[in-house]
Amino acid sequence: MSDESASYIGLDGRFYHHTVNHSLGEYVRDYFCHVNGLEGAWLHFKRQVFGIHHWISAKHLDRYLDEFPWRYNRRDAKEGDRVNALLAAADGKRITYPQLIG
């Protein structure tokens, strides 16, 4: 699901792709095709970048993008539950500073 942005041209052959045309005032099609959820998720990601990280490097972009859905999927959880889930997921794994900057 996307809007009519030119950056999505060519997706039809590779993906099951539906669009809505915001410039014509269309925001939902056939009662299921809309991008509101995605736009809300991007808003949360931008807030995470500006509020927590302040900026992100291209080198570690994949790490930031991996962290985002984890946080987003637990956005309604209580803080203690989120910390417990993080500790359970870490399971003794760690990344050293040389690995991080290497």
Protein backbone atom coordinates (compact mmCIF):
# COMPACT_ATOMS: atom_id res chain seq x y z
CA MET A 1 0.00 0.00 0.00
CA SER A 2 1.41 3.39 -0.92
CA ASP A 3 0.48 6.83 -2.12
CA GLU A 4 1.08 8.00 -5.69
CA SER A 5 4.71 9.04 -5.17
CA ALA A 6 6.93 8.47 -8.21
CA SER A 7 9.40 6.56 -6.03
CA TYR A 8 6.99 3.59 -6.05
CA ILE A 9 6.80 3.28 -9.85
CA GLY A 10 7.76 -0.22 -10.92
CA LEU A 11 6.58 -2.04 -7.81
CA ASP A 12 3.53 -3.53 -9.52
CA GLY A 13 5.53 -6.22 -11.30
CA ARG A 14 7.43 -7.31 -8.20
CA PHE A 15 4.93 -6.77 -5.39
CA TYR A 16 1.21 -6.88 -4.76
CA HIS A 17 0.86 -3.08 -4.86
CA HIS A 18 -2.14 -0.79 -4.33
CA THR A 19 -2.11 3.00 -4.25
CA VAL A 20 -4.25 5.89 -3.11
CA ASN A 21 -4.08 9.26 -4.83
CA HIS A 22 -3.75 11.92 -2.15
CA SER A 23 -3.56 14.75 -4.72
CA LEU A 24 -7.13 13.89 -5.80
CA GLY A 25 -8.37 13.78 -2.20
CA GLU A 26 -8.37 9.98 -2.08
CA TYR A 27 -7.18 8.56 1.23
CA VAL A 28 -8.77 5.11 1.23
CA ARG A 29 -9.84 2.83 -1.61
CA ASP A 30 -12.22 -0.12 -1.40
CA TYR A 31 -12.34 0.23 2.40
CA PHE A 32 -8.95 -1.45 2.84
CA CYS A 33 -6.29 0.32 0.82
CA HIS A 34 -4.82 3.17 2.88
CA VAL A 35 -1.41 4.22 4.11
CA ASN A 36 -2.42 5.68 7.48
CA GLY A 37 -0.77 2.89 9.47
CA LEU A 38 2.48 3.23 7.57
CA GLU A 39 2.47 7.01 7.87
CA GLY A 40 1.91 6.63 11.62
CA ALA A 41 4.80 4.19 11.89
CA TRP A 42 7.14 6.58 10.02
CA LEU A 43 6.08 9.35 12.38
CA HIS A 44 7.08 7.16 15.34
CA PHE A 45 10.43 6.38 13.66
CA LYS A 46 11.17 10.07 13.08
CA ARG A 47 10.34 10.83 16.71
CA GLN A 48 12.65 8.03 17.81
CA VAL A 49 15.49 9.42 15.70
CA PHE A 50 15.08 13.03 16.84
CA GLY A 51 14.09 12.28 20.43
CA ILE A 52 16.40 9.39 21.32
CA HIS A 53 19.26 9.18 18.85
CA HIS A 54 19.29 12.82 17.58
CA TRP A 55 20.90 11.60 14.35
CA ILE A 56 21.71 8.26 12.75
CA SER A 57 24.60 7.14 10.64
CA ALA A 58 24.22 5.34 7.33
CA LYS A 59 26.72 2.76 8.59
CA HIS A 60 24.38 1.59 11.34
CA LEU A 61 21.05 2.36 9.66
CA ASP A 62 20.14 -1.34 9.62
CA ARG A 63 20.53 -1.47 13.43
CA TYR A 64 18.28 1.55 13.93
CA LEU A 65 15.70 0.07 11.56
CA ASP A 66 15.86 -3.27 13.43
CA GLU A 67 15.33 -1.51 16.74
CA PHE A 68 12.35 0.48 15.52
CA PRO A 69 9.78 -2.33 14.96
CA TRP A 70 10.79 -3.85 18.30
CA ARG A 71 9.96 -0.58 20.06
CA TYR A 72 6.90 0.11 17.87
CA ASN A 73 5.37 -3.32 18.51
CA ARG A 74 5.75 -2.74 22.26
CA ARG A 75 4.63 0.90 22.33
CA ASP A 76 1.63 0.10 24.54
CA ALA A 77 3.57 -2.12 26.97
CA LYS A 78 4.45 -0.92 30.44
CA GLU A 79 8.06 0.16 30.91
CA GLY A 80 8.95 -2.80 33.15
CA ASP A 81 7.48 -5.28 30.66
CA ARG A 82 9.49 -3.68 27.85
CA VAL A 83 12.72 -3.90 29.87
CA ASN A 84 12.03 -7.55 30.73
CA ALA A 85 11.40 -8.32 27.04
CA LEU A 86 14.67 -6.62 26.11
CA LEU A 87 16.64 -8.61 28.68
CA ALA A 88 15.00 -11.85 27.55
CA ALA A 89 15.83 -11.10 23.92
CA ALA A 90 19.47 -10.26 24.73
CA ASP A 91 20.01 -13.72 26.23
CA GLY A 92 23.64 -13.06 27.11
CA LYS A 93 24.50 -11.68 23.66
CA ARG A 94 26.46 -8.48 23.46
CA ILE A 95 28.25 -6.41 20.90
CA THR A 96 31.68 -5.11 21.76
CA TYR A 97 32.85 -1.61 20.95
CA PRO A 98 35.34 -2.82 18.29
CA GLN A 99 32.51 -4.77 16.61
CA LEU A 100 30.29 -1.70 16.75
CA ILE A 101 32.79 0.68 15.15
CA GLY A 102 34.44 -1.88 12.85
